[in-house]
Every structure is written in C-alpha cells, then in structure tokens.
Amino acid sequence: MTTSAVSPLTEGSLEVKLPTIWTDGKAEVARAREEKSRREKIKEEKVRRTKIQVRQKVGKHTMFFQ
C-alpha cells in the first residue's frame, strides 16, 4: 500500500476570484443621460460667457453719431 502525503499547502484551488461589478441597464442609461445633461450645461454656460464678452467688447468701441 502506497501512501502519498499531501501537504496542506498544495490542497485547494489556486483560482483567484475577483469581485464582479454588475451594472443595471436602467442605471447605465440614467448615468449617460446625466453626463449628457452636464455637458450641455457646460456648453451653454460657455456660450453665455462668450456672448457677454462680445457685448462688453462691442460696448467699449461703439460710437453714436447724431
């Protein structure tokens, strides 16, 4: 009878289990919608500031003749 000695270090699995992040489809859509809304607000604010700068620049150089 042959007995094979198995050390405790070789028993078990060497497989590593990493956490999986599951995303809900609805949550992903909502996140994308929020991001799009945020980008649009930033763009609108940039346009608004540009218009204000143009008005200020034009106002400095405008002369009225009678």
N, C-alpha and C. Protein backbone atom coordinates (compact mmCIF):
# COMPACT_ATOMS: atom_id res chain seq x y z
N MET A 1 0.83 -1.17 0.00
CA MET A 1 0.00 0.00 0.00
C MET A 1 0.88 1.24 0.00
N THR A 2 0.65 2.09 -0.95
CA THR A 2 1.44 3.32 -1.04
C THR A 2 0.61 4.49 -0.50
N THR A 3 1.22 5.23 0.29
CA THR A 3 0.55 6.40 0.85
C THR A 3 1.25 7.64 0.32
N SER A 4 0.48 8.50 -0.25
CA SER A 4 1.08 9.75 -0.71
C SER A 4 0.73 10.84 0.29
N ALA A 5 1.72 11.50 0.74
CA ALA A 5 1.49 12.57 1.71
C ALA A 5 1.18 13.86 0.94
N VAL A 6 0.08 14.44 1.29
CA VAL A 6 -0.31 15.70 0.65
C VAL A 6 -0.17 16.80 1.68
N SER A 7 0.65 17.77 1.35
CA SER A 7 0.84 18.86 2.31
C SER A 7 -0.33 19.82 2.23
N PRO A 8 -0.64 20.48 3.30
CA PRO A 8 -1.77 21.40 3.31
C PRO A 8 -1.60 22.57 2.33
N LEU A 9 -0.38 22.87 1.94
CA LEU A 9 -0.16 23.99 1.03
C LEU A 9 -0.59 23.67 -0.39
N THR A 10 -0.63 22.43 -0.77
CA THR A 10 -0.99 22.10 -2.14
C THR A 10 -2.46 21.76 -2.30
N GLU A 11 -3.18 21.70 -1.21
CA GLU A 11 -4.59 21.39 -1.31
C GLU A 11 -5.37 22.65 -1.69
N GLY A 12 -6.47 22.45 -2.34
CA GLY A 12 -7.33 23.59 -2.69
C GLY A 12 -7.05 24.10 -4.10
N SER A 13 -7.62 25.20 -4.37
CA SER A 13 -7.54 25.77 -5.70
C SER A 13 -6.66 27.02 -5.71
N LEU A 14 -5.99 27.22 -6.80
CA LEU A 14 -5.19 28.44 -6.95
C LEU A 14 -5.99 29.54 -7.68
N GLU A 15 -7.24 29.28 -7.92
CA GLU A 15 -8.08 30.22 -8.63
C GLU A 15 -8.31 31.47 -7.77
N VAL A 16 -8.19 32.63 -8.41
CA VAL A 16 -8.41 33.89 -7.72
C VAL A 16 -9.76 34.43 -8.17
N LYS A 17 -10.59 34.76 -7.23
CA LYS A 17 -11.90 35.29 -7.57
C LYS A 17 -11.90 36.80 -7.33
N LEU A 18 -12.12 37.52 -8.39
CA LEU A 18 -12.17 38.98 -8.30
C LEU A 18 -13.63 39.41 -8.24
N PRO A 19 -13.89 40.50 -7.55
CA PRO A 19 -15.28 40.97 -7.49
C PRO A 19 -15.75 41.43 -8.87
N THR A 20 -16.96 41.10 -9.17
CA THR A 20 -17.55 41.50 -10.45
C THR A 20 -18.52 42.64 -10.19
N ILE A 21 -18.40 43.67 -10.99
CA ILE A 21 -19.30 44.81 -10.86
C ILE A 21 -20.41 44.64 -11.89
N TRP A 22 -21.60 44.44 -11.42
CA TRP A 22 -22.75 44.30 -12.31
C TRP A 22 -23.44 45.65 -12.42
N THR A 23 -23.76 46.03 -13.64
CA THR A 23 -24.47 47.29 -13.82
C THR A 23 -25.87 47.01 -14.32
N ASP A 24 -26.78 47.73 -13.79
CA ASP A 24 -28.16 47.63 -14.22
C ASP A 24 -28.30 48.47 -15.48
N GLY A 25 -28.98 47.96 -16.48
CA GLY A 25 -29.15 48.69 -17.73
C GLY A 25 -29.80 50.04 -17.53
N LYS A 26 -30.81 50.10 -16.67
CA LYS A 26 -31.50 51.36 -16.41
C LYS A 26 -30.57 52.36 -15.73
N ALA A 27 -29.76 51.87 -14.82
CA ALA A 27 -28.82 52.75 -14.12
C ALA A 27 -27.81 53.32 -15.10
N GLU A 28 -27.37 52.50 -16.04
CA GLU A 28 -26.39 52.95 -17.04
C GLU A 28 -27.00 54.03 -17.93
N VAL A 29 -28.24 53.85 -18.33
CA VAL A 29 -28.93 54.84 -19.17
C VAL A 29 -29.07 56.15 -18.40
N ALA A 30 -29.45 56.06 -17.14
CA ALA A 30 -29.61 57.26 -16.32
C ALA A 30 -28.27 57.99 -16.17
N ARG A 31 -27.20 57.22 -15.96
CA ARG A 31 -25.87 57.82 -15.82
C ARG A 31 -25.46 58.52 -17.10
N ALA A 32 -25.72 57.91 -18.24
CA ALA A 32 -25.38 58.52 -19.52
C ALA A 32 -26.19 59.79 -19.75
N ARG A 33 -27.46 59.75 -19.36
CA ARG A 33 -28.32 60.92 -19.52
C ARG A 33 -27.82 62.08 -18.64
N GLU A 34 -27.42 61.77 -17.41
CA GLU A 34 -26.90 62.80 -16.51
C GLU A 34 -25.61 63.41 -17.07
N GLU A 35 -24.75 62.57 -17.60
CA GLU A 35 -23.49 63.05 -18.17
C GLU A 35 -23.76 63.97 -19.37
N LYS A 36 -24.69 63.58 -20.22
CA LYS A 36 -25.04 64.39 -21.38
C LYS A 36 -25.60 65.74 -20.94
N SER A 37 -26.46 65.72 -19.94
CA SER A 37 -27.06 66.95 -19.40
C SER A 37 -25.97 67.86 -18.84
N ARG A 38 -25.02 67.26 -18.14
CA ARG A 38 -23.93 68.05 -17.55
C ARG A 38 -23.08 68.70 -18.64
N ARG A 39 -22.78 67.95 -19.69
CA ARG A 39 -22.00 68.51 -20.80
C ARG A 39 -22.75 69.63 -21.50
N GLU A 40 -24.07 69.47 -21.69
CA GLU A 40 -24.87 70.51 -22.33
C GLU A 40 -24.89 71.79 -21.50
N LYS A 41 -24.99 71.64 -20.17
CA LYS A 41 -24.99 72.82 -19.30
C LYS A 41 -23.66 73.55 -19.37
N ILE A 42 -22.57 72.80 -19.42
CA ILE A 42 -21.24 73.41 -19.52
C ILE A 42 -21.13 74.17 -20.84
N LYS A 43 -21.63 73.56 -21.93
CA LYS A 43 -21.56 74.20 -23.24
C LYS A 43 -22.40 75.47 -23.26
N GLU A 44 -23.61 75.41 -22.69
CA GLU A 44 -24.48 76.59 -22.64
C GLU A 44 -23.82 77.72 -21.84
N GLU A 45 -23.18 77.37 -20.74
CA GLU A 45 -22.52 78.37 -19.91
C GLU A 45 -21.36 79.01 -20.68
N LYS A 46 -20.64 78.22 -21.45
CA LYS A 46 -19.52 78.74 -22.24
C LYS A 46 -20.03 79.71 -23.31
N VAL A 47 -21.13 79.35 -23.97
CA VAL A 47 -21.72 80.22 -24.99
C VAL A 47 -22.20 81.52 -24.35
N ARG A 48 -22.84 81.41 -23.19
CA ARG A 48 -23.35 82.59 -22.49
C ARG A 48 -22.20 83.54 -22.13
N ARG A 49 -21.10 82.99 -21.63
CA ARG A 49 -19.95 83.83 -21.27
C ARG A 49 -19.33 84.49 -22.51
N THR A 50 -19.27 83.75 -23.60
CA THR A 50 -18.72 84.30 -24.85
C THR A 50 -19.58 85.47 -25.32
N LYS A 51 -20.90 85.31 -25.26
CA LYS A 51 -21.80 86.40 -25.68
C LYS A 51 -21.61 87.63 -24.80
N ILE A 52 -21.46 87.42 -23.50
CA ILE A 52 -21.25 88.55 -22.59
C ILE A 52 -19.95 89.27 -22.95
N GLN A 53 -18.89 88.51 -23.23
CA GLN A 53 -17.60 89.12 -23.57
C GLN A 53 -17.71 89.92 -24.86
N VAL A 54 -18.44 89.38 -25.85
CA VAL A 54 -18.61 90.09 -27.12
C VAL A 54 -19.37 91.38 -26.89
N ARG A 55 -20.45 91.32 -26.10
CA ARG A 55 -21.22 92.54 -25.81
C ARG A 55 -20.37 93.59 -25.12
N GLN A 56 -19.55 93.17 -24.18
CA GLN A 56 -18.69 94.11 -23.46
C GLN A 56 -17.67 94.73 -24.41
N LYS A 57 -17.11 93.92 -25.29
CA LYS A 57 -16.11 94.42 -26.24
C LYS A 57 -16.74 95.40 -27.21
N VAL A 58 -17.92 95.07 -27.73
CA VAL A 58 -18.63 95.95 -28.67
C VAL A 58 -19.02 97.24 -27.97
N GLY A 59 -19.47 97.17 -26.74
CA GLY A 59 -19.88 98.34 -25.98
C GLY A 59 -18.75 99.34 -25.79
N LYS A 60 -17.53 98.87 -25.66
CA LYS A 60 -16.38 99.75 -25.47
C LYS A 60 -16.03 100.52 -26.74
N HIS A 61 -16.33 99.95 -27.90
CA HIS A 61 -15.91 100.54 -29.15
C HIS A 61 -17.07 101.11 -29.95
N THR A 62 -18.21 101.24 -29.37
CA THR A 62 -19.38 101.73 -30.10
C THR A 62 -19.47 103.25 -29.93
N MET A 63 -19.65 103.94 -31.04
CA MET A 63 -19.81 105.39 -31.01
C MET A 63 -21.14 105.71 -31.68
N PHE A 64 -21.87 106.63 -31.10
CA PHE A 64 -23.15 107.04 -31.69
C PHE A 64 -23.02 108.44 -32.25
N PHE A 65 -23.49 108.61 -33.48
CA PHE A 65 -23.43 109.91 -34.12
C PHE A 65 -24.84 110.45 -34.27
N GLN A 66 -24.98 111.78 -34.10
CA GLN A 66 -26.27 112.41 -34.29
C GLN A 66 -26.24 113.33 -35.49
